[in-house]
Full PDB file with SEQRES, HELIX, SHEET, SSBOND, CRYST1, ORIGX, SCALE, CONECT and MASTER records, all heavy atoms in Angstrom:
SEQRES   1 A   33  THR ALA PRO GLY VAL GLN VAL VAL ARG VAL ARG PHE LEU          
SEQRES   2 A   33  GLU GLY TRP ARG ALA GLU GLN TYR ALA ASP GLU LEU VAL          
SEQRES   3 A   33  ARG VAL GLY ILE LEU SER ASP                                  
HELIX    1 AA1 PRO A    3  VAL A    5  5                                   3    
HELIX    2 AA2 ALA A   18  ARG A   27  1                                  10    
CRYST1    1.000    1.000    1.000  90.00  90.00  90.00 P 1           1          
ORIGX1      1.000000  0.000000  0.000000        0.00000                         
ORIGX2      0.000000  1.000000  0.000000        0.00000                         
ORIGX3      0.000000  0.000000  1.000000        0.00000                         
SCALE1      1.000000  0.000000  0.000000        0.00000                         
SCALE2      0.000000  1.000000  0.000000        0.00000                         
SCALE3      0.000000  0.000000  1.000000        0.00000                         
ATOM      1  N   THR A   1       0.857  -1.191   0.000  1.00  0.00           N  
ATOM      2  CA  THR A   1       0.000   0.000   0.000  1.00  0.00           C  
ATOM      3  C   THR A   1       0.886   1.231   0.000  1.00  0.00           C  
ATOM      4  O   THR A   1       1.923   1.258   0.653  1.00  0.00           O  
ATOM      5  CB  THR A   1      -0.904   0.024   1.254  1.00  0.00           C  
ATOM      6  OG1 THR A   1      -1.675  -1.177   1.283  1.00  0.00           O  
ATOM      7  CG2 THR A   1      -1.832   1.224   1.233  1.00  0.00           C  
ATOM      8  N   ALA A   2       0.470   2.259  -0.684  1.00  0.00           N  
ATOM      9  CA  ALA A   2       1.284   3.483  -0.766  1.00  0.00           C  
ATOM     10  C   ALA A   2       1.566   4.032   0.621  1.00  0.00           C  
ATOM     11  O   ALA A   2       0.640   4.220   1.409  1.00  0.00           O  
ATOM     12  CB  ALA A   2       0.562   4.534  -1.600  1.00  0.00           C  
ATOM     13  N   PRO A   3       2.840   4.301   0.948  1.00  0.00           N  
ATOM     14  CA  PRO A   3       3.191   4.788   2.285  1.00  0.00           C  
ATOM     15  C   PRO A   3       2.491   6.078   2.667  1.00  0.00           C  
ATOM     16  O   PRO A   3       2.262   6.343   3.825  1.00  0.00           O  
ATOM     17  CB  PRO A   3       4.712   5.003   2.192  1.00  0.00           C  
ATOM     18  CG  PRO A   3       5.146   4.175   1.050  1.00  0.00           C  
ATOM     19  CD  PRO A   3       4.004   4.125   0.095  1.00  0.00           C  
ATOM     20  N   GLY A   4       2.115   6.892   1.682  1.00  0.00           N  
ATOM     21  CA  GLY A   4       1.501   8.174   1.992  1.00  0.00           C  
ATOM     22  C   GLY A   4       0.191   8.078   2.735  1.00  0.00           C  
ATOM     23  O   GLY A   4      -0.264   9.051   3.309  1.00  0.00           O  
ATOM     24  N   VAL A   5      -0.442   6.900   2.739  1.00  0.00           N  
ATOM     25  CA  VAL A   5      -1.725   6.766   3.425  1.00  0.00           C  
ATOM     26  C   VAL A   5      -1.587   5.993   4.743  1.00  0.00           C  
ATOM     27  O   VAL A   5      -2.573   5.621   5.341  1.00  0.00           O  
ATOM     28  CB  VAL A   5      -2.770   6.078   2.514  1.00  0.00           C  
ATOM     29  CG1 VAL A   5      -2.993   6.876   1.259  1.00  0.00           C  
ATOM     30  CG2 VAL A   5      -2.343   4.637   2.167  1.00  0.00           C  
ATOM     31  N   GLN A   6      -0.362   5.758   5.164  1.00  0.00           N  
ATOM     32  CA  GLN A   6      -0.170   5.015   6.400  1.00  0.00           C  
ATOM     33  C   GLN A   6      -0.667   5.811   7.602  1.00  0.00           C  
ATOM     34  O   GLN A   6      -0.465   7.014   7.705  1.00  0.00           O  
ATOM     35  CB  GLN A   6       1.304   4.661   6.589  1.00  0.00           C  
ATOM     36  CG  GLN A   6       1.805   3.618   5.610  1.00  0.00           C  
ATOM     37  CD  GLN A   6       0.995   2.344   5.678  1.00  0.00           C  
ATOM     38  OE1 GLN A   6       0.945   1.692   6.707  1.00  0.00           O  
ATOM     39  NE2 GLN A   6       0.343   1.986   4.592  1.00  0.00           N  
ATOM     40  N   VAL A   7      -1.348   5.113   8.498  1.00  0.00           N  
ATOM     41  CA  VAL A   7      -1.924   5.729   9.692  1.00  0.00           C  
ATOM     42  C   VAL A   7      -1.362   5.033  10.920  1.00  0.00           C  
ATOM     43  O   VAL A   7      -1.171   3.812  10.932  1.00  0.00           O  
ATOM     44  CB  VAL A   7      -3.468   5.617   9.671  1.00  0.00           C  
ATOM     45  CG1 VAL A   7      -4.061   6.076  10.987  1.00  0.00           C  
ATOM     46  CG2 VAL A   7      -4.040   6.437   8.527  1.00  0.00           C  
ATOM     47  N   VAL A   8      -1.060   5.815  11.942  1.00  0.00           N  
ATOM     48  CA  VAL A   8      -0.474   5.286  13.172  1.00  0.00           C  
ATOM     49  C   VAL A   8      -1.445   5.507  14.324  1.00  0.00           C  
ATOM     50  O   VAL A   8      -1.977   6.612  14.496  1.00  0.00           O  
ATOM     51  CB  VAL A   8       0.861   5.991  13.496  1.00  0.00           C  
ATOM     52  CG1 VAL A   8       1.491   5.390  14.755  1.00  0.00           C  
ATOM     53  CG2 VAL A   8       1.814   5.879  12.327  1.00  0.00           C  
ATOM     54  N   ARG A   9      -1.698   4.461  15.097  1.00  0.00           N  
ATOM     55  CA  ARG A   9      -2.508   4.583  16.314  1.00  0.00           C  
ATOM     56  C   ARG A   9      -1.624   5.045  17.462  1.00  0.00           C  
ATOM     57  O   ARG A   9      -0.535   4.505  17.667  1.00  0.00           O  
ATOM     58  CB  ARG A   9      -3.154   3.242  16.678  1.00  0.00           C  
ATOM     59  CG  ARG A   9      -4.233   2.794  15.734  1.00  0.00           C  
ATOM     60  CD  ARG A   9      -5.049   1.654  16.344  1.00  0.00           C  
ATOM     61  NE  ARG A   9      -4.219   0.524  16.719  1.00  0.00           N  
ATOM     62  CZ  ARG A   9      -3.937  -0.495  15.918  1.00  0.00           C  
ATOM     63  NH1 ARG A   9      -4.407  -0.521  14.685  1.00  0.00           N  
ATOM     64  NH2 ARG A   9      -3.184  -1.500  16.327  1.00  0.00           N  
ATOM     65  N   VAL A  10      -2.121   6.018  18.208  1.00  0.00           N  
ATOM     66  CA  VAL A  10      -1.372   6.548  19.348  1.00  0.00           C  
ATOM     67  C   VAL A  10      -2.309   6.620  20.545  1.00  0.00           C  
ATOM     68  O   VAL A  10      -3.417   7.143  20.430  1.00  0.00           O  
ATOM     69  CB  VAL A  10      -0.807   7.961  19.059  1.00  0.00           C  
ATOM     70  CG1 VAL A  10       0.087   8.417  20.204  1.00  0.00           C  
ATOM     71  CG2 VAL A  10      -0.050   7.991  17.751  1.00  0.00           C  
ATOM     72  N   ARG A  11      -1.850   6.104  21.679  1.00  0.00           N  
ATOM     73  CA  ARG A  11      -2.639   6.170  22.917  1.00  0.00           C  
ATOM     74  C   ARG A  11      -1.968   7.116  23.885  1.00  0.00           C  
ATOM     75  O   ARG A  11      -0.830   6.902  24.305  1.00  0.00           O  
ATOM     76  CB  ARG A  11      -2.742   4.780  23.563  1.00  0.00           C  
ATOM     77  CG  ARG A  11      -3.461   4.776  24.926  1.00  0.00           C  
ATOM     78  CD  ARG A  11      -4.953   4.958  24.756  1.00  0.00           C  
ATOM     79  NE  ARG A  11      -5.654   4.807  26.012  1.00  0.00           N  
ATOM     80  CZ  ARG A  11      -6.288   5.788  26.650  1.00  0.00           C  
ATOM     81  NH1 ARG A  11      -6.259   7.013  26.153  1.00  0.00           N  
ATOM     82  NH2 ARG A  11      -6.938   5.553  27.765  1.00  0.00           N  
ATOM     83  N   PHE A  12      -2.661   8.209  24.219  1.00  0.00           N  
ATOM     84  CA  PHE A  12      -2.197   9.147  25.233  1.00  0.00           C  
ATOM     85  C   PHE A  12      -2.967   8.864  26.518  1.00  0.00           C  
ATOM     86  O   PHE A  12      -4.200   8.910  26.523  1.00  0.00           O  
ATOM     87  CB  PHE A  12      -2.427  10.594  24.785  1.00  0.00           C  
ATOM     88  CG  PHE A  12      -1.702  10.981  23.522  1.00  0.00           C  
ATOM     89  CD1 PHE A  12      -2.388  11.535  22.451  1.00  0.00           C  
ATOM     90  CD2 PHE A  12      -0.337  10.791  23.406  1.00  0.00           C  
ATOM     91  CE1 PHE A  12      -1.725  11.901  21.289  1.00  0.00           C  
ATOM     92  CE2 PHE A  12       0.338  11.154  22.243  1.00  0.00           C  
ATOM     93  CZ  PHE A  12      -0.357  11.710  21.184  1.00  0.00           C  
ATOM     94  N   LEU A  13      -2.261   8.610  27.597  1.00  0.00           N  
ATOM     95  CA  LEU A  13      -2.898   8.183  28.844  1.00  0.00           C  
ATOM     96  C   LEU A  13      -3.295   9.366  29.718  1.00  0.00           C  
ATOM     97  O   LEU A  13      -2.652  10.418  29.700  1.00  0.00           O  
ATOM     98  CB  LEU A  13      -1.953   7.271  29.630  1.00  0.00           C  
ATOM     99  CG  LEU A  13      -1.542   5.969  28.933  1.00  0.00           C  
ATOM    100  CD1 LEU A  13      -0.645   5.152  29.864  1.00  0.00           C  
ATOM    101  CD2 LEU A  13      -2.763   5.161  28.511  1.00  0.00           C  
ATOM    102  N   GLU A  14      -4.354   9.149  30.515  1.00  0.00           N  
ATOM    103  CA  GLU A  14      -4.774  10.149  31.484  1.00  0.00           C  
ATOM    104  C   GLU A  14      -3.630  10.431  32.455  1.00  0.00           C  
ATOM    105  O   GLU A  14      -2.974   9.512  32.938  1.00  0.00           O  
ATOM    106  CB  GLU A  14      -5.994   9.652  32.269  1.00  0.00           C  
ATOM    107  CG  GLU A  14      -7.259   9.523  31.455  1.00  0.00           C  
ATOM    108  CD  GLU A  14      -7.385   8.210  30.714  1.00  0.00           C  
ATOM    109  OE1 GLU A  14      -6.396   7.428  30.707  1.00  0.00           O  
ATOM    110  OE2 GLU A  14      -8.457   7.953  30.129  1.00  0.00           O  
ATOM    111  N   GLY A  15      -3.408  11.716  32.724  1.00  0.00           N  
ATOM    112  CA  GLY A  15      -2.364  12.078  33.673  1.00  0.00           C  
ATOM    113  C   GLY A  15      -0.996  12.292  33.061  1.00  0.00           C  
ATOM    114  O   GLY A  15      -0.053  12.625  33.775  1.00  0.00           O  
ATOM    115  N   TRP A  16      -0.874  12.103  31.744  1.00  0.00           N  
ATOM    116  CA  TRP A  16       0.408  12.385  31.097  1.00  0.00           C  
ATOM    117  C   TRP A  16       0.585  13.890  30.938  1.00  0.00           C  
ATOM    118  O   TRP A  16      -0.372  14.618  30.657  1.00  0.00           O  
ATOM    119  CB  TRP A  16       0.455  11.739  29.717  1.00  0.00           C  
ATOM    120  CG  TRP A  16       0.877  10.307  29.723  1.00  0.00           C  
ATOM    121  CD1 TRP A  16       1.037   9.502  30.806  1.00  0.00           C  
ATOM    122  CD2 TRP A  16       1.171   9.508  28.574  1.00  0.00           C  
ATOM    123  NE1 TRP A  16       1.416   8.247  30.409  1.00  0.00           N  
ATOM    124  CE2 TRP A  16       1.506   8.227  29.048  1.00  0.00           C  
ATOM    125  CE3 TRP A  16       1.179   9.754  27.204  1.00  0.00           C  
ATOM    126  CZ2 TRP A  16       1.864   7.190  28.182  1.00  0.00           C  
ATOM    127  CZ3 TRP A  16       1.519   8.733  26.349  1.00  0.00           C  
ATOM    128  CH2 TRP A  16       1.860   7.457  26.832  1.00  0.00           C  
ATOM    129  N   ARG A  17       1.807  14.350  31.095  1.00  0.00           N  
ATOM    130  CA  ARG A  17       2.136  15.737  30.795  1.00  0.00           C  
ATOM    131  C   ARG A  17       2.506  15.838  29.319  1.00  0.00           C  
ATOM    132  O   ARG A  17       2.740  14.821  28.650  1.00  0.00           O  
ATOM    133  CB  ARG A  17       3.258  16.229  31.704  1.00  0.00           C  
ATOM    134  CG  ARG A  17       4.505  15.374  31.700  1.00  0.00           C  
ATOM    135  CD  ARG A  17       5.421  15.683  32.871  1.00  0.00           C  
ATOM    136  NE  ARG A  17       6.089  16.985  32.684  1.00  0.00           N  
ATOM    137  CZ  ARG A  17       6.784  17.598  33.634  1.00  0.00           C  
ATOM    138  NH1 ARG A  17       6.864  17.064  34.844  1.00  0.00           N  
ATOM    139  NH2 ARG A  17       7.364  18.756  33.395  1.00  0.00           N  
ATOM    140  N   ALA A  18       2.568  17.065  28.802  1.00  0.00           N  
ATOM    141  CA  ALA A  18       2.778  17.266  27.367  1.00  0.00           C  
ATOM    142  C   ALA A  18       4.068  16.611  26.882  1.00  0.00           C  
ATOM    143  O   ALA A  18       4.128  16.089  25.760  1.00  0.00           O  
ATOM    144  CB  ALA A  18       2.796  18.761  27.056  1.00  0.00           C  
ATOM    145  N   GLU A  19       5.093  16.620  27.719  1.00  0.00           N  
ATOM    146  CA  GLU A  19       6.365  16.018  27.305  1.00  0.00           C  
ATOM    147  C   GLU A  19       6.213  14.518  27.051  1.00  0.00           C  
ATOM    148  O   GLU A  19       6.891  13.957  26.174  1.00  0.00           O  
ATOM    149  CB  GLU A  19       7.437  16.250  28.371  1.00  0.00           C  
ATOM    150  CG  GLU A  19       7.861  17.706  28.525  1.00  0.00           C  
ATOM    151  CD  GLU A  19       7.028  18.453  29.552  1.00  0.00           C  
ATOM    152  OE1 GLU A  19       5.949  17.936  29.951  1.00  0.00           O  
ATOM    153  OE2 GLU A  19       7.434  19.560  29.967  1.00  0.00           O  
ATOM    154  N   GLN A  20       5.332  13.859  27.799  1.00  0.00           N  
ATOM    155  CA  GLN A  20       5.104  12.434  27.568  1.00  0.00           C  
ATOM    156  C   GLN A  20       4.370  12.201  26.248  1.00  0.00           C  
ATOM    157  O   GLN A  20       4.629  11.210  25.565  1.00  0.00           O  
ATOM    158  CB  GLN A  20       4.327  11.838  28.739  1.00  0.00           C  
ATOM    159  CG  GLN A  20       5.143  11.776  30.031  1.00  0.00           C  
ATOM    160  CD  GLN A  20       4.317  11.309  31.208  1.00  0.00           C  
ATOM    161  OE1 GLN A  20       3.551  12.078  31.786  1.00  0.00           O  
ATOM    162  NE2 GLN A  20       4.449  10.044  31.568  1.00  0.00           N  
ATOM    163  N   TYR A  21       3.461  13.116  25.910  1.00  0.00           N  
ATOM    164  CA  TYR A  21       2.829  13.041  24.592  1.00  0.00           C  
ATOM    165  C   TYR A  21       3.899  13.136  23.502  1.00  0.00           C  
ATOM    166  O   TYR A  21       3.888  12.370  22.529  1.00  0.00           O  
ATOM    167  CB  TYR A  21       1.838  14.197  24.420  1.00  0.00           C  
ATOM    168  CG  TYR A  21       0.487  14.030  25.064  1.00  0.00           C  
ATOM    169  CD1 TYR A  21       0.357  13.631  26.391  1.00  0.00           C  
ATOM    170  CD2 TYR A  21      -0.666  14.317  24.357  1.00  0.00           C  
ATOM    171  CE1 TYR A  21      -0.886  13.512  26.981  1.00  0.00           C  
ATOM    172  CE2 TYR A  21      -1.925  14.202  24.934  1.00  0.00           C  
ATOM    173  CZ  TYR A  21      -2.032  13.801  26.248  1.00  0.00           C  
ATOM    174  OH  TYR A  21      -3.265  13.684  26.826  1.00  0.00           O  
ATOM    175  N   ALA A  22       4.797  14.096  23.661  1.00  0.00           N  
ATOM    176  CA  ALA A  22       5.852  14.305  22.661  1.00  0.00           C  
ATOM    177  C   ALA A  22       6.731  13.066  22.542  1.00  0.00           C  
ATOM    178  O   ALA A  22       7.075  12.630  21.426  1.00  0.00           O  
ATOM    179  CB  ALA A  22       6.696  15.520  23.036  1.00  0.00           C  
ATOM    180  N   ASP A  23       7.088  12.474  23.684  1.00  0.00           N  
ATOM    181  CA  ASP A  23       7.916  11.264  23.659  1.00  0.00           C  
ATOM    182  C   ASP A  23       7.206  10.126  22.936  1.00  0.00           C  
ATOM    183  O   ASP A  23       7.828   9.354  22.198  1.00  0.00           O  
ATOM    184  CB  ASP A  23       8.267  10.832  25.089  1.00  0.00           C  
ATOM    185  CG  ASP A  23       9.250  11.774  25.766  1.00  0.00           C  
ATOM    186  OD1 ASP A  23       9.865  12.595  25.075  1.00  0.00           O  
ATOM    187  OD2 ASP A  23       9.385  11.691  27.013  1.00  0.00           O  
ATOM    188  N   GLU A  24       5.898  10.007  23.151  1.00  0.00           N  
ATOM    189  CA  GLU A  24       5.146   8.928  22.510  1.00  0.00           C  
ATOM    190  C   GLU A  24       5.066   9.135  20.997  1.00  0.00           C  
ATOM    191  O   GLU A  24       5.160   8.172  20.227  1.00  0.00           O  
ATOM    192  CB  GLU A  24       3.739   8.853  23.102  1.00  0.00           C  
ATOM    193  CG  GLU A  24       2.892   7.691  22.605  1.00  0.00           C  
ATOM    194  CD  GLU A  24       3.407   6.323  23.041  1.00  0.00           C  
ATOM    195  OE1 GLU A  24       4.378   6.261  23.832  1.00  0.00           O  
ATOM    196  OE2 GLU A  24       2.847   5.317  22.576  1.00  0.00           O  
ATOM    197  N   LEU A  25       4.921  10.369  20.576  1.00  0.00           N  
ATOM    198  CA  LEU A  25       4.887  10.658  19.140  1.00  0.00           C  
ATOM    199  C   LEU A  25       6.216  10.319  18.471  1.00  0.00           C  
ATOM    200  O   LEU A  25       6.247   9.877  17.320  1.00  0.00           O  
ATOM    201  CB  LEU A  25       4.532  12.136  18.912  1.00  0.00           C  
ATOM    202  CG  LEU A  25       3.090  12.515  19.248  1.00  0.00           C  
ATOM    203  CD1 LEU A  25       2.930  14.028  19.293  1.00  0.00           C  
ATOM    204  CD2 LEU A  25       2.117  11.908  18.231  1.00  0.00           C  
ATOM    205  N   VAL A  26       7.308  10.512  19.200  1.00  0.00           N  
ATOM    206  CA  VAL A  26       8.616  10.107  18.685  1.00  0.00           C  
ATOM    207  C   VAL A  26       8.721   8.589  18.661  1.00  0.00           C  
ATOM    208  O   VAL A  26       9.196   7.990  17.688  1.00  0.00           O  
ATOM    209  CB  VAL A  26       9.748  10.727  19.539  1.00  0.00           C  
ATOM    210  CG1 VAL A  26      11.094  10.124  19.150  1.00  0.00           C  
ATOM    211  CG2 VAL A  26       9.772  12.242  19.374  1.00  0.00           C  
ATOM    212  N   ARG A  27       8.237   7.944  19.705  1.00  0.00           N  
ATOM    213  CA  ARG A  27       8.356   6.481  19.810  1.00  0.00           C  
ATOM    214  C   ARG A  27       7.636   5.768  18.671  1.00  0.00           C  
ATOM    215  O   ARG A  27       8.150   4.780  18.122  1.00  0.00           O  
ATOM    216  CB  ARG A  27       7.804   6.002  21.148  1.00  0.00           C  
ATOM    217  CG  ARG A  27       8.071   4.522  21.435  1.00  0.00           C  
ATOM    218  CD  ARG A  27       7.385   4.055  22.703  1.00  0.00           C  
ATOM    219  NE  ARG A  27       5.947   3.930  22.511  1.00  0.00           N  
ATOM    220  CZ  ARG A  27       5.348   2.879  21.956  1.00  0.00           C  
ATOM    221  NH1 ARG A  27       6.074   1.851  21.522  1.00  0.00           N  
ATOM    222  NH2 ARG A  27       4.048   2.832  21.828  1.00  0.00           N  
ATOM    223  N   VAL A  28       6.460   6.279  18.280  1.00  0.00           N  
ATOM    224  CA  VAL A  28       5.711   5.594  17.231  1.00  0.00           C  
ATOM    225  C   VAL A  28       6.136   6.038  15.840  1.00  0.00           C  
ATOM    226  O   VAL A  28       5.618   5.521  14.842  1.00  0.00           O  
ATOM    227  CB  VAL A  28       4.189   5.816  17.407  1.00  0.00           C  
ATOM    228  CG1 VAL A  28       3.717   5.275  18.739  1.00  0.00           C  
ATOM    229  CG2 VAL A  28       3.801   7.284  17.251  1.00  0.00           C  
ATOM    230  N   GLY A  29       7.069   6.987  15.759  1.00  0.00           N  
ATOM    231  CA  GLY A  29       7.658   7.331  14.478  1.00  0.00           C  
ATOM    232  C   GLY A  29       7.019   8.483  13.726  1.00  0.00           C  
ATOM    233  O   GLY A  29       7.405   8.764  12.589  1.00  0.00           O  
ATOM    234  N   ILE A  30       6.060   9.193  14.348  1.00  0.00           N  
ATOM    235  CA  ILE A  30       5.446  10.333  13.661  1.00  0.00           C  
ATOM    236  C   ILE A  30       6.395  11.530  13.667  1.00  0.00           C  
ATOM    237  O   ILE A  30       6.519  12.245  12.676  1.00  0.00           O  
ATOM    238  CB  ILE A  30       4.097  10.694  14.312  1.00  0.00           C  
ATOM    239  CG1 ILE A  30       3.107   9.533  14.130  1.00  0.00           C  
ATOM    240  CG2 ILE A  30       3.527  11.971  13.711  1.00  0.00           C  
ATOM    241  CD1 ILE A  30       1.763   9.771  14.776  1.00  0.00           C  
ATOM    242  N   LEU A  31       7.050  11.756  14.796  1.00  0.00           N  
ATOM    243  CA  LEU A  31       7.987  12.864  14.920  1.00  0.00           C  
ATOM    244  C   LEU A  31       9.379  12.334  15.238  1.00  0.00           C  
ATOM    245  O   LEU A  31       9.521  11.263  15.842  1.00  0.00           O  
ATOM    246  CB  LEU A  31       7.540  13.834  16.026  1.00  0.00           C  
ATOM    247  CG  LEU A  31       6.177  14.518  15.855  1.00  0.00           C  
ATOM    248  CD1 LEU A  31       5.892  15.416  17.043  1.00  0.00           C  
ATOM    249  CD2 LEU A  31       6.125  15.309  14.563  1.00  0.00           C  
ATOM    250  N   SER A  32      10.393  13.096  14.855  1.00  0.00           N  
ATOM    251  CA  SER A  32      11.769  12.720  15.185  1.00  0.00           C  
ATOM    252  C   SER A  32      12.312  13.577  16.323  1.00  0.00           C  
ATOM    253  O   SER A  32      13.294  13.201  16.959  1.00  0.00           O  
ATOM    254  CB  SER A  32      12.673  12.873  13.955  1.00  0.00           C  
ATOM    255  OG  SER A  32      12.636  14.208  13.473  1.00  0.00           O  
ATOM    256  N   ASP A  33      11.669  14.708  16.592  1.00  0.00           N  
ATOM    257  CA  ASP A  33      12.138  15.640  17.627  1.00  0.00           C  
ATOM    258  C   ASP A  33      10.959  16.028  18.510  1.00  0.00           C  
ATOM    259  O   ASP A  33      10.005  16.654  18.027  1.00  0.00           O  
ATOM    260  CB  ASP A  33      12.740  16.880  16.969  1.00  0.00           C  
ATOM    261  CG  ASP A  33      13.258  17.903  17.990  1.00  0.00           C  
ATOM    262  OD1 ASP A  33      13.181  17.622  19.211  1.00  0.00           O  
ATOM    263  OD2 ASP A  33      13.729  18.972  17.568  1.00  0.00           O  
TER     264      ASP A  33                                                      
MASTER        0    0    0    2    0    0    0    6  263    1    0    3          
END                                                                             
């Protein structure tokens, strides 16, 4: 399937601070920084 349509599931947990959201986005490969 064309990579341009790839979708990633991300779970942000209750009680996480914004930095944990950022770390999770890096972990699943959406962001590098």
